[in-house]
Amino acid sequence: MELAIKTIDLTRNFGDFTAVDALNLEISPGEICGFLGPNGAGKSTAIRMLCGILEPSSGSGSVLGYDLVQQSEAIKKRIGYMSQKFSLYEDLTVIENIDFYAGIYNLSYRQRPARVGEMLELAGLKDRQRLLVAGLSVGFKQRLALACALISRPDVLFLDEPTSGVSPTSRRAFFDIIHTLAQGGTTVIVSTHFMDEAERCHRIAFMSQGKLLAMDSPDQLKAKVITGSLVEIELPSPMEWLPRLESQAWVKEASLHGSVIHLLLADDTALPSLEALTDRQPRRITPSLEDVFINLAKREVGSYELK
């Protein structure tokens, strides 16, 4: 099966700054791939290159078999793109916005009614189709922007931080739609900094400072990256405790999570030493994606390749 997306050492520089550094990806059709990382990690720049909007400084890549540089216009005809800032016309109604984008994508007048109706149904906007966009909540504007991005039935959908500023309930509803699309064969690339969203992706590409730190399913990342005994412990003045704990030979990683400290111990034999040092009973915990990311980010960038 041909890959939906493939990149080889894809790089983008802005002057002396490297926004994306030798990115290597292989993404299959129908896969939901999450680009996860902090602001400035290179997620948006990578997506803009894959959309054919931004030309790479070096390296190569293809989307649906089309070359990123030589065939960028062909790529644009086969993809949908939704940015952080929804490009909607607030003085038009919901259905007028969808119909407008149908025209941009050159859908014939014969095709439009059925396709617009399909998008209203998918996005749960049928009852709001006659409302002005200006009066919609952020969550419903988000759904409308997705419907507009999908009007041409793209084979690959790029979503760049689509749920920023949206309630958790709206974010979950949005991802339900994404899963429906993927089940129908659409490849979805979504950048996010929400761990709960990343959990719902088939695979996650962890990015930091322009580099790909690791890429795998959420469960595989937790199993492969977090090796040792993970515990949490509640201590007074945790910020003061952190460097002391990090200096212990039996502590592999220590990080602050709210009012508690997560500790990755070499193994269970370190538990008595931890209890003796802190006079507290630690609690075993299941690794989260946040634990994975902190672990990866602390490693020397570029020195770790997850197989």
C-alpha atoms as a PDB file:
ATOM      1  CA  MET A   1       0.000   0.000   0.000  1.00  0.00           C
ATOM      2  CA  GLU A   2       1.330   3.405  -0.966  1.00  0.00           C
ATOM      3  CA  LEU A   3       2.044   5.725   1.934  1.00  0.00           C
ATOM      4  CA  ALA A   4      -0.155   8.790   2.300  1.00  0.00           C
ATOM      5  CA  ILE A   5       2.833  10.854   3.487  1.00  0.00           C
ATOM      6  CA  LYS A   6       6.562  10.248   3.376  1.00  0.00           C
ATOM      7  CA  THR A   7       9.390  12.632   4.183  1.00  0.00           C
ATOM      8  CA  ILE A   8      13.155  12.210   4.124  1.00  0.00           C
ATOM      9  CA  ASP A   9      15.237  14.671   6.162  1.00  0.00           C
ATOM     10  CA  LEU A  10      12.651  17.392   5.541  1.00  0.00           C
ATOM     11  CA  THR A  11      14.096  20.677   6.812  1.00  0.00           C
ATOM     12  CA  ARG A  12      13.013  24.309   6.935  1.00  0.00           C
ATOM     13  CA  ASN A  13      15.251  27.191   7.935  1.00  0.00           C
ATOM     14  CA  PHE A  14      14.312  30.802   8.562  1.00  0.00           C
ATOM     15  CA  GLY A  15      17.656  32.578   8.336  1.00  0.00           C
ATOM     16  CA  ASP A  16      19.873  31.004  10.993  1.00  0.00           C
ATOM     17  CA  PHE A  17      16.904  29.421  12.774  1.00  0.00           C
ATOM     18  CA  THR A  18      15.977  25.811  11.969  1.00  0.00           C
ATOM     19  CA  ALA A  19      12.232  25.404  12.505  1.00  0.00           C
ATOM     20  CA  VAL A  20      12.063  21.796  11.268  1.00  0.00           C
ATOM     21  CA  ASP A  21      15.218  19.703  11.406  1.00  0.00           C
ATOM     22  CA  ALA A  22      15.590  16.559   9.223  1.00  0.00           C
ATOM     23  CA  LEU A  23      12.046  15.256   9.706  1.00  0.00           C
ATOM     24  CA  ASN A  24      11.451  11.646   8.639  1.00  0.00           C
ATOM     25  CA  LEU A  25       7.835  10.479   8.504  1.00  0.00           C
ATOM     26  CA  GLU A  26       5.895   7.554   7.076  1.00  0.00           C
ATOM     27  CA  ILE A  27       2.123   7.833   7.492  1.00  0.00           C
ATOM     28  CA  SER A  28      -0.376   5.323   6.094  1.00  0.00           C
ATOM     29  CA  PRO A  29      -3.784   5.999   4.520  1.00  0.00           C
ATOM     30  CA  GLY A  30      -6.596   6.211   7.075  1.00  0.00           C
ATOM     31  CA  GLU A  31      -4.213   6.910   9.937  1.00  0.00           C
ATOM     32  CA  ILE A  32      -4.726   9.637  12.549  1.00  0.00           C
ATOM     33  CA  CYS A  33      -1.268  11.004  13.316  1.00  0.00           C
ATOM     34  CA  GLY A  34      -0.831  13.550  16.077  1.00  0.00           C
ATOM     35  CA  PHE A  35       1.998  16.078  16.009  1.00  0.00           C
ATOM     36  CA  LEU A  36       2.590  16.684  19.703  1.00  0.00           C
ATOM     37  CA  GLY A  37       4.908  19.226  21.254  1.00  0.00           C
ATOM     38  CA  PRO A  38       5.180  22.659  22.869  1.00  0.00           C
ATOM     39  CA  ASN A  39       4.837  25.957  21.013  1.00  0.00           C
ATOM     40  CA  GLY A  40       7.847  26.425  18.752  1.00  0.00           C
ATOM     41  CA  ALA A  41       8.383  22.676  18.304  1.00  0.00           C
ATOM     42  CA  GLY A  42       7.979  22.937  14.509  1.00  0.00           C
ATOM     43  CA  LYS A  43       4.526  21.373  14.222  1.00  0.00           C
ATOM     44  CA  SER A  44       2.887  24.178  12.216  1.00  0.00           C
ATOM     45  CA  THR A  45       5.911  24.624   9.941  1.00  0.00           C
ATOM     46  CA  ALA A  46       5.926  20.888   9.184  1.00  0.00           C
ATOM     47  CA  ILE A  47       2.226  20.968   8.315  1.00  0.00           C
ATOM     48  CA  ARG A  48       2.641  23.991   6.056  1.00  0.00           C
ATOM     49  CA  MET A  49       5.396  22.194   4.142  1.00  0.00           C
ATOM     50  CA  LEU A  50       3.257  19.057   3.789  1.00  0.00           C
ATOM     51  CA  CYS A  51       0.376  21.186   2.477  1.00  0.00           C
ATOM     52  CA  GLY A  52       2.605  22.671  -0.224  1.00  0.00           C
ATOM     53  CA  ILE A  53       2.264  26.147   1.306  1.00  0.00           C
ATOM     54  CA  LEU A  54       5.886  26.436   2.422  1.00  0.00           C
ATOM     55  CA  GLU A  55       8.848  25.175   0.403  1.00  0.00           C
ATOM     56  CA  PRO A  56      11.408  23.038   2.266  1.00  0.00           C
ATOM     57  CA  SER A  57      14.952  24.344   2.650  1.00  0.00           C
ATOM     58  CA  SER A  58      16.292  20.822   2.112  1.00  0.00           C
ATOM     59  CA  GLY A  59      15.226  17.211   2.185  1.00  0.00           C
ATOM     60  CA  SER A  60      12.308  15.721   0.269  1.00  0.00           C
ATOM     61  CA  GLY A  61       8.802  14.428   0.721  1.00  0.00           C
ATOM     62  CA  SER A  62       5.605  13.336  -0.924  1.00  0.00           C
ATOM     63  CA  VAL A  63       1.883  13.503  -0.165  1.00  0.00           C
ATOM     64  CA  LEU A  64      -0.341  10.954  -1.937  1.00  0.00           C
ATOM     65  CA  GLY A  65       2.613  10.217  -4.217  1.00  0.00           C
ATOM     66  CA  TYR A  66       3.057  13.865  -5.272  1.00  0.00           C
ATOM     67  CA  ASP A  67       6.388  15.577  -4.720  1.00  0.00           C
ATOM     68  CA  LEU A  68       6.229  18.414  -2.175  1.00  0.00           C
ATOM     69  CA  VAL A  69       8.219  20.840  -4.316  1.00  0.00           C
ATOM     70  CA  GLN A  70       7.551  19.826  -7.904  1.00  0.00           C
ATOM     71  CA  GLN A  71       3.852  18.984  -7.546  1.00  0.00           C
ATOM     72  CA  SER A  72       2.600  21.231  -4.745  1.00  0.00           C
ATOM     73  CA  GLU A  73      -0.429  22.404  -6.758  1.00  0.00           C
ATOM     74  CA  ALA A  74      -1.544  18.802  -7.284  1.00  0.00           C
ATOM     75  CA  ILE A  75      -1.232  18.207  -3.529  1.00  0.00           C
ATOM     76  CA  LYS A  76      -3.426  21.217  -2.723  1.00  0.00           C
ATOM     77  CA  LYS A  77      -6.249  19.766  -4.836  1.00  0.00           C
ATOM     78  CA  ARG A  78      -6.290  16.539  -2.796  1.00  0.00           C
ATOM     79  CA  ILE A  79      -6.033  17.855   0.759  1.00  0.00           C
ATOM     80  CA  GLY A  80      -8.047  19.803   3.297  1.00  0.00           C
ATOM     81  CA  TYR A  81      -6.448  22.298   5.671  1.00  0.00           C
ATOM     82  CA  MET A  82      -7.770  23.876   8.848  1.00  0.00           C
ATOM     83  CA  SER A  83      -5.571  26.367  10.685  1.00  0.00           C
ATOM     84  CA  GLN A  84      -5.697  27.695  14.252  1.00  0.00           C
ATOM     85  CA  LYS A  85      -7.509  30.797  12.996  1.00  0.00           C
ATOM     86  CA  PHE A  86     -10.743  29.710  11.393  1.00  0.00           C
ATOM     87  CA  SER A  87     -11.189  31.356   7.985  1.00  0.00           C
ATOM     88  CA  LEU A  88     -14.920  31.905   8.213  1.00  0.00           C
ATOM     89  CA  TYR A  89     -17.167  34.746   7.058  1.00  0.00           C
ATOM     90  CA  GLU A  90     -18.989  35.894  10.166  1.00  0.00           C
ATOM     91  CA  ASP A  91     -21.561  37.987   8.270  1.00  0.00           C
ATOM     92  CA  LEU A  92     -22.741  34.895   6.373  1.00  0.00           C
ATOM     93  CA  THR A  93     -24.843  32.011   7.684  1.00  0.00           C
ATOM     94  CA  VAL A  94     -23.498  28.529   8.364  1.00  0.00           C
ATOM     95  CA  ILE A  95     -24.852  27.101   5.110  1.00  0.00           C
ATOM     96  CA  GLU A  96     -23.639  30.118   3.104  1.00  0.00           C
ATOM     97  CA  ASN A  97     -20.098  29.568   4.383  1.00  0.00           C
ATOM     98  CA  ILE A  98     -20.140  25.904   3.382  1.00  0.00           C
ATOM     99  CA  ASP A  99     -21.617  26.737  -0.019  1.00  0.00           C
ATOM    100  CA  PHE A 100     -18.955  29.422  -0.528  1.00  0.00           C
ATOM    101  CA  TYR A 101     -16.163  26.906   0.066  1.00  0.00           C
ATOM    102  CA  ALA A 102     -17.905  24.444  -2.246  1.00  0.00           C
ATOM    103  CA  GLY A 103     -17.513  27.093  -4.941  1.00  0.00           C
ATOM    104  CA  ILE A 104     -13.830  27.639  -4.120  1.00  0.00           C
ATOM    105  CA  TYR A 105     -13.253  23.895  -4.578  1.00  0.00           C
ATOM    106  CA  ASN A 106     -15.158  23.997  -7.888  1.00  0.00           C
ATOM    107  CA  LEU A 107     -17.957  21.646  -6.894  1.00  0.00           C
ATOM    108  CA  SER A 108     -20.635  21.735  -9.579  1.00  0.00           C
ATOM    109  CA  TYR A 109     -24.064  23.183  -8.795  1.00  0.00           C
ATOM    110  CA  ARG A 110     -25.476  19.682  -9.253  1.00  0.00           C
ATOM    111  CA  GLN A 111     -23.124  18.256  -6.587  1.00  0.00           C
ATOM    112  CA  ARG A 112     -23.444  21.039  -4.048  1.00  0.00           C
ATOM    113  CA  PRO A 113     -26.818  20.457  -2.326  1.00  0.00           C
ATOM    114  CA  ALA A 114     -26.057  16.834  -1.407  1.00  0.00           C
ATOM    115  CA  ARG A 115     -22.494  17.593  -0.372  1.00  0.00           C
ATOM    116  CA  VAL A 116     -23.423  20.640   1.714  1.00  0.00           C
ATOM    117  CA  GLY A 117     -26.149  18.589   3.420  1.00  0.00           C
ATOM    118  CA  GLU A 118     -23.649  15.841   4.132  1.00  0.00           C
ATOM    119  CA  MET A 119     -21.276  18.327   5.785  1.00  0.00           C
ATOM    120  CA  LEU A 120     -24.042  19.846   7.900  1.00  0.00           C
ATOM    121  CA  GLU A 121     -24.930  16.351   9.107  1.00  0.00           C
ATOM    122  CA  LEU A 122     -21.322  15.348   9.820  1.00  0.00           C
ATOM    123  CA  ALA A 123     -20.584  18.520  11.779  1.00  0.00           C
ATOM    124  CA  GLY A 124     -23.883  18.454  13.694  1.00  0.00           C
ATOM    125  CA  LEU A 125     -24.890  21.849  12.291  1.00  0.00           C
ATOM    126  CA  LYS A 126     -28.176  21.002  10.595  1.00  0.00           C
ATOM    127  CA  ASP A 127     -30.243  22.844  13.203  1.00  0.00           C
ATOM    128  CA  ARG A 128     -27.959  25.891  12.997  1.00  0.00           C
ATOM    129  CA  GLN A 129     -27.547  26.160   9.227  1.00  0.00           C
ATOM    130  CA  ARG A 130     -29.488  29.456   8.981  1.00  0.00           C
ATOM    131  CA  LEU A 131     -27.671  31.166  11.861  1.00  0.00           C
ATOM    132  CA  LEU A 132     -25.057  33.860  11.276  1.00  0.00           C
ATOM    133  CA  VAL A 133     -21.565  32.601  12.058  1.00  0.00           C
ATOM    134  CA  ALA A 134     -20.941  35.645  14.268  1.00  0.00           C
ATOM    135  CA  GLY A 135     -23.453  34.263  16.762  1.00  0.00           C
ATOM    136  CA  LEU A 136     -21.952  30.764  17.033  1.00  0.00           C
ATOM    137  CA  SER A 137     -19.894  29.526  19.975  1.00  0.00           C
ATOM    138  CA  VAL A 138     -16.212  28.792  19.369  1.00  0.00           C
ATOM    139  CA  GLY A 139     -16.972  25.070  19.394  1.00  0.00           C
ATOM    140  CA  PHE A 140     -19.557  25.333  16.617  1.00  0.00           C
ATOM    141  CA  LYS A 141     -17.305  27.663  14.614  1.00  0.00           C
ATOM    142  CA  GLN A 142     -14.666  24.963  14.867  1.00  0.00           C
ATOM    143  CA  ARG A 143     -17.069  22.347  13.514  1.00  0.00           C
ATOM    144  CA  LEU A 144     -18.049  24.670  10.669  1.00  0.00           C
ATOM    145  CA  ALA A 145     -14.395  25.281   9.769  1.00  0.00           C
ATOM    146  CA  LEU A 146     -13.907  21.501   9.633  1.00  0.00           C
ATOM    147  CA  ALA A 147     -16.954  21.111   7.377  1.00  0.00           C
ATOM    148  CA  CYS A 148     -15.532  23.753   5.013  1.00  0.00           C
ATOM    149  CA  ALA A 149     -12.159  21.967   4.946  1.00  0.00           C
ATOM    150  CA  LEU A 150     -13.905  18.680   4.090  1.00  0.00           C
ATOM    151  CA  ILE A 151     -16.271  19.912   1.386  1.00  0.00           C
ATOM    152  CA  SER A 152     -14.029  18.657  -1.438  1.00  0.00           C
ATOM    153  CA  ARG A 153     -13.681  15.141   0.080  1.00  0.00           C
ATOM    154  CA  PRO A 154      -9.912  15.422   0.650  1.00  0.00           C
ATOM    155  CA  ASP A 155      -7.817  12.275   0.934  1.00  0.00           C
ATOM    156  CA  VAL A 156      -5.609  13.923   3.567  1.00  0.00           C
ATOM    157  CA  LEU A 157      -6.817  16.388   6.174  1.00  0.00           C
ATOM    158  CA  PHE A 158      -4.387  18.695   8.008  1.00  0.00           C
ATOM    159  CA  LEU A 159      -5.581  20.228  11.278  1.00  0.00           C
ATOM    160  CA  ASP A 160      -3.206  22.749  12.849  1.00  0.00           C
ATOM    161  CA  GLU A 161      -4.034  23.227  16.554  1.00  0.00           C
ATOM    162  CA  PRO A 162      -7.753  23.109  15.685  1.00  0.00           C
ATOM    163  CA  THR A 163      -9.063  22.921  19.248  1.00  0.00           C
ATOM    164  CA  SER A 164      -7.235  25.811  20.934  1.00  0.00           C
ATOM    165  CA  GLY A 165      -9.664  27.790  23.068  1.00  0.00           C
ATOM    166  CA  VAL A 166     -12.392  25.164  22.782  1.00  0.00           C
ATOM    167  CA  SER A 167     -14.080  23.457  25.733  1.00  0.00           C
ATOM    168  CA  PRO A 168     -13.151  19.835  26.613  1.00  0.00           C
ATOM    169  CA  THR A 169     -16.645  18.687  25.597  1.00  0.00           C
ATOM    170  CA  SER A 170     -16.326  20.327  22.177  1.00  0.00           C
ATOM    171  CA  ARG A 171     -12.839  18.871  21.757  1.00  0.00           C
ATOM    172  CA  ARG A 172     -14.141  15.356  22.389  1.00  0.00           C
ATOM    173  CA  ALA A 173     -16.996  15.857  19.915  1.00  0.00           C
ATOM    174  CA  PHE A 174     -14.510  17.165  17.357  1.00  0.00           C
ATOM    175  CA  PHE A 175     -12.331  14.059  17.704  1.00  0.00           C
ATOM    176  CA  ASP A 176     -15.373  11.823  17.321  1.00  0.00           C
ATOM    177  CA  ILE A 177     -15.815  13.384  13.869  1.00  0.00           C
ATOM    178  CA  ILE A 178     -12.126  12.842  13.092  1.00  0.00           C
ATOM    179  CA  HIS A 179     -12.410   9.136  13.930  1.00  0.00           C
ATOM    180  CA  THR A 180     -15.430   8.813  11.652  1.00  0.00           C
ATOM    181  CA  LEU A 181     -13.395  10.345   8.818  1.00  0.00           C
ATOM    182  CA  ALA A 182     -10.429   8.019   9.418  1.00  0.00           C
ATOM    183  CA  GLN A 183     -12.716   4.981   9.397  1.00  0.00           C
ATOM    184  CA  GLY A 184     -13.795   6.107   5.930  1.00  0.00           C
ATOM    185  CA  GLY A 185     -10.157   6.145   4.732  1.00  0.00           C
ATOM    186  CA  THR A 186      -9.214   9.809   5.241  1.00  0.00           C
ATOM    187  CA  THR A 187      -5.686  10.364   6.555  1.00  0.00           C
ATOM    188  CA  VAL A 188      -5.690  12.951   9.344  1.00  0.00           C
ATOM    189  CA  ILE A 189      -2.679  14.917  10.588  1.00  0.00           C
ATOM    190  CA  VAL A 190      -3.500  16.943  13.684  1.00  0.00           C
ATOM    191  CA  SER A 191      -1.129  19.109  15.684  1.00  0.00           C
ATOM    192  CA  THR A 192      -1.971  19.528  19.342  1.00  0.00           C
ATOM    193  CA  HIS A 193      -0.562  20.165  22.782  1.00  0.00           C
ATOM    194  CA  PHE A 194      -3.454  18.411  24.541  1.00  0.00           C
ATOM    195  CA  MET A 195      -2.449  14.991  25.874  1.00  0.00           C
ATOM    196  CA  ASP A 196      -6.034  13.682  25.917  1.00  0.00           C
ATOM    197  CA  GLU A 197      -6.322  14.391  22.180  1.00  0.00           C
ATOM    198  CA  ALA A 198      -2.990  12.704  21.496  1.00  0.00           C
ATOM    199  CA  GLU A 199      -4.269   9.584  23.300  1.00  0.00           C
ATOM    200  CA  ARG A 200      -6.958   9.266  20.627  1.00  0.00           C
ATOM    201  CA  CYS A 201      -4.487   9.279  17.719  1.00  0.00           C
ATOM    202  CA  HIS A 202      -3.303   6.051  16.102  1.00  0.00           C
ATOM    203  CA  ARG A 203       0.277   7.275  16.306  1.00  0.00           C
ATOM    204  CA  ILE A 204       2.010  10.291  17.795  1.00  0.00           C
ATOM    205  CA  ALA A 205       5.012  12.204  16.477  1.00  0.00           C
ATOM    206  CA  PHE A 206       6.671  13.878  19.461  1.00  0.00           C
ATOM    207  CA  MET A 207       8.451  17.052  18.339  1.00  0.00           C
ATOM    208  CA  SER A 208      10.734  19.440  20.200  1.00  0.00           C
ATOM    209  CA  GLN A 209      12.956  22.227  18.857  1.00  0.00           C
ATOM    210  CA  GLY A 210      12.215  21.150  15.290  1.00  0.00           C
ATOM    211  CA  LYS A 211      13.272  17.539  15.780  1.00  0.00           C
ATOM    212  CA  LEU A 212      11.237  14.354  15.808  1.00  0.00           C
ATOM    213  CA  LEU A 213      11.995  12.721  19.163  1.00  0.00           C
ATOM    214  CA  ALA A 214       9.880   9.609  18.711  1.00  0.00           C
ATOM    215  CA  MET A 215       6.926   8.275  16.758  1.00  0.00           C
ATOM    216  CA  ASP A 216       4.687   5.372  17.721  1.00  0.00           C
ATOM    217  CA  SER A 217       1.267   4.514  19.156  1.00  0.00           C
ATOM    218  CA  PRO A 218       0.448   5.947  22.605  1.00  0.00           C
ATOM    219  CA  ASP A 219       0.676   2.517  24.255  1.00  0.00           C
ATOM    220  CA  GLN A 220       3.961   1.612  22.563  1.00  0.00           C
ATOM    221  CA  LEU A 221       5.499   4.957  23.510  1.00  0.00           C
ATOM    222  CA  LYS A 222       4.623   4.430  27.154  1.00  0.00           C
ATOM    223  CA  ALA A 223       5.991   0.884  27.112  1.00  0.00           C
ATOM    224  CA  LYS A 224       9.229   1.676  25.265  1.00  0.00           C
ATOM    225  CA  VAL A 225      10.148   5.075  26.688  1.00  0.00           C
ATOM    226  CA  ILE A 226       9.227   4.652  30.351  1.00  0.00           C
ATOM    227  CA  THR A 227      11.472   1.861  31.639  1.00  0.00           C
ATOM    228  CA  GLY A 228      11.630   1.465  35.396  1.00  0.00           C
ATOM    229  CA  SER A 229       9.190   2.053  38.257  1.00  0.00           C
ATOM    230  CA  LEU A 230       7.056   5.188  37.946  1.00  0.00           C
ATOM    231  CA  VAL A 231       5.681   6.629  41.175  1.00  0.00           C
ATOM    232  CA  GLU A 232       4.254   9.893  42.422  1.00  0.00           C
ATOM    233  CA  ILE A 233       4.861  11.448  45.794  1.00  0.00           C
ATOM    234  CA  GLU A 234       3.338  14.462  47.519  1.00  0.00           C
ATOM    235  CA  LEU A 235       5.826  16.579  49.435  1.00  0.00           C
ATOM    236  CA  PRO A 236       5.800  20.009  51.098  1.00  0.00           C
ATOM    237  CA  SER A 237       7.616  22.620  48.979  1.00  0.00           C
ATOM    238  CA  PRO A 238       7.994  20.262  45.993  1.00  0.00           C
ATOM    239  CA  MET A 239      10.154  22.726  44.039  1.00  0.00           C
ATOM    240  CA  GLU A 240      12.737  22.540  46.820  1.00  0.00           C
ATOM    241  CA  TRP A 241      12.601  18.758  46.858  1.00  0.00           C
ATOM    242  CA  LEU A 242      13.034  18.360  43.105  1.00  0.00           C
ATOM    243  CA  PRO A 243      16.838  18.939  42.828  1.00  0.00           C
ATOM    244  CA  ARG A 244      17.471  16.813  45.904  1.00  0.00           C
ATOM    245  CA  LEU A 245      15.544  13.906  44.425  1.00  0.00           C
ATOM    246  CA  GLU A 246      17.165  14.319  41.000  1.00  0.00           C
ATOM    247  CA  SER A 247      20.602  13.947  42.624  1.00  0.00           C
ATOM    248  CA  GLN A 248      19.841  10.457  43.946  1.00  0.00           C
ATOM    249  CA  ALA A 249      21.548   7.658  42.012  1.00  0.00           C
ATOM    250  CA  TRP A 250      18.376   5.539  42.016  1.00  0.00           C
ATOM    251  CA  VAL A 251      16.244   8.303  40.418  1.00  0.00           C
ATOM    252  CA  LYS A 252      16.231   8.274  36.598  1.00  0.00           C
ATOM    253  CA  GLU A 253      13.816  11.188  36.129  1.00  0.00           C
ATOM    254  CA  ALA A 254      12.003  13.626  38.401  1.00  0.00           C
ATOM    255  CA  SER A 255       9.371  16.114  37.252  1.00  0.00           C
ATOM    256  CA  LEU A 256       6.755  18.330  38.843  1.00  0.00           C
ATOM    257  CA  HIS A 257       3.094  17.696  38.000  1.00  0.00           C
ATOM    258  CA  GLY A 258       1.002  20.257  39.826  1.00  0.00           C
ATOM    259  CA  SER A 259       1.504  19.689  43.532  1.00  0.00           C
ATOM    260  CA  VAL A 260       3.032  16.215  43.177  1.00  0.00           C
ATOM    261  CA  ILE A 261       6.373  14.921  41.905  1.00  0.00           C
ATOM    262  CA  HIS A 262       6.619  12.066  39.427  1.00  0.00           C
ATOM    263  CA  LEU A 263       9.698   9.910  39.897  1.00  0.00           C
ATOM    264  CA  LEU A 264      11.018   7.313  37.499  1.00  0.00           C
ATOM    265  CA  LEU A 265      13.047   4.937  39.652  1.00  0.00           C
ATOM    266  CA  ALA A 266      15.629   2.467  38.377  1.00  0.00           C
ATOM    267  CA  ASP A 267      13.522  -0.389  39.807  1.00  0.00           C
ATOM    268  CA  ASP A 268      11.436  -1.380  42.828  1.00  0.00           C
ATOM    269  CA  THR A 269      14.502  -1.783  45.033  1.00  0.00           C
ATOM    270  CA  ALA A 270      14.696   2.025  45.194  1.00  0.00           C
ATOM    271  CA  LEU A 271      11.346   2.336  46.987  1.00  0.00           C
ATOM    272  CA  PRO A 272      12.722   1.858  50.551  1.00  0.00           C
ATOM    273  CA  SER A 273      15.395   4.493  49.893  1.00  0.00           C
ATOM    274  CA  LEU A 274      12.758   6.940  48.648  1.00  0.00           C
ATOM    275  CA  GLU A 275      10.552   6.333  51.698  1.00  0.00           C
ATOM    276  CA  ALA A 276      13.508   6.760  54.060  1.00  0.00           C
ATOM    277  CA  LEU A 277      14.577  10.024  52.386  1.00  0.00           C
ATOM    278  CA  THR A 278      11.145  11.642  52.263  1.00  0.00           C
ATOM    279  CA  ASP A 279       9.284   9.959  55.108  1.00  0.00           C
ATOM    280  CA  ARG A 280       6.396   9.616  52.672  1.00  0.00           C
ATOM    281  CA  GLN A 281       4.669   6.667  51.010  1.00  0.00           C
ATOM    282  CA  PRO A 282       4.957   6.915  47.183  1.00  0.00           C
ATOM    283  CA  ARG A 283       2.122   5.734  44.932  1.00  0.00           C
ATOM    284  CA  ARG A 284       2.671   3.649  41.834  1.00  0.00           C
ATOM    285  CA  ILE A 285       1.186   5.260  38.720  1.00  0.00           C
ATOM    286  CA  THR A 286       0.633   4.316  35.090  1.00  0.00           C
ATOM    287  CA  PRO A 287       2.807   6.351  32.695  1.00  0.00           C
ATOM    288  CA  SER A 288       1.024   9.153  30.850  1.00  0.00           C
ATOM    289  CA  LEU A 289       1.965  10.770  27.555  1.00  0.00           C
ATOM    290  CA  GLU A 290       3.111  13.766  29.558  1.00  0.00           C
ATOM    291  CA  ASP A 291       5.601  11.496  31.360  1.00  0.00           C
ATOM    292  CA  VAL A 292       6.753  10.199  27.972  1.00  0.00           C
ATOM    293  CA  PHE A 293       7.260  13.682  26.579  1.00  0.00           C
ATOM    294  CA  ILE A 294       9.155  14.947  29.616  1.00  0.00           C
ATOM    295  CA  ASN A 295      11.377  11.873  29.479  1.00  0.00           C
ATOM    296  CA  LEU A 296      12.097  12.340  25.774  1.00  0.00           C
ATOM    297  CA  ALA A 297      12.619  16.089  25.992  1.00  0.00           C
ATOM    298  CA  LYS A 298      15.236  15.657  28.707  1.00  0.00           C
ATOM    299  CA  ARG A 299      17.288  13.276  26.603  1.00  0.00           C
ATOM    300  CA  GLU A 300      19.905  14.685  24.311  1.00  0.00           C
ATOM    301  CA  VAL A 301      18.023  15.788  21.190  1.00  0.00           C
ATOM    302  CA  GLY A 302      19.010  13.677  18.221  1.00  0.00           C
ATOM    303  CA  SER A 303      20.639  10.933  20.271  1.00  0.00           C
ATOM    304  CA  TYR A 304      17.505   8.828  20.630  1.00  0.00           C
ATOM    305  CA  GLU A 305      15.755   6.895  17.904  1.00  0.00           C
ATOM    306  CA  LEU A 306      12.742   4.862  18.865  1.00  0.00           C
ATOM    307  CA  LYS A 307      12.297   1.685  16.858  1.00  0.00           C
END
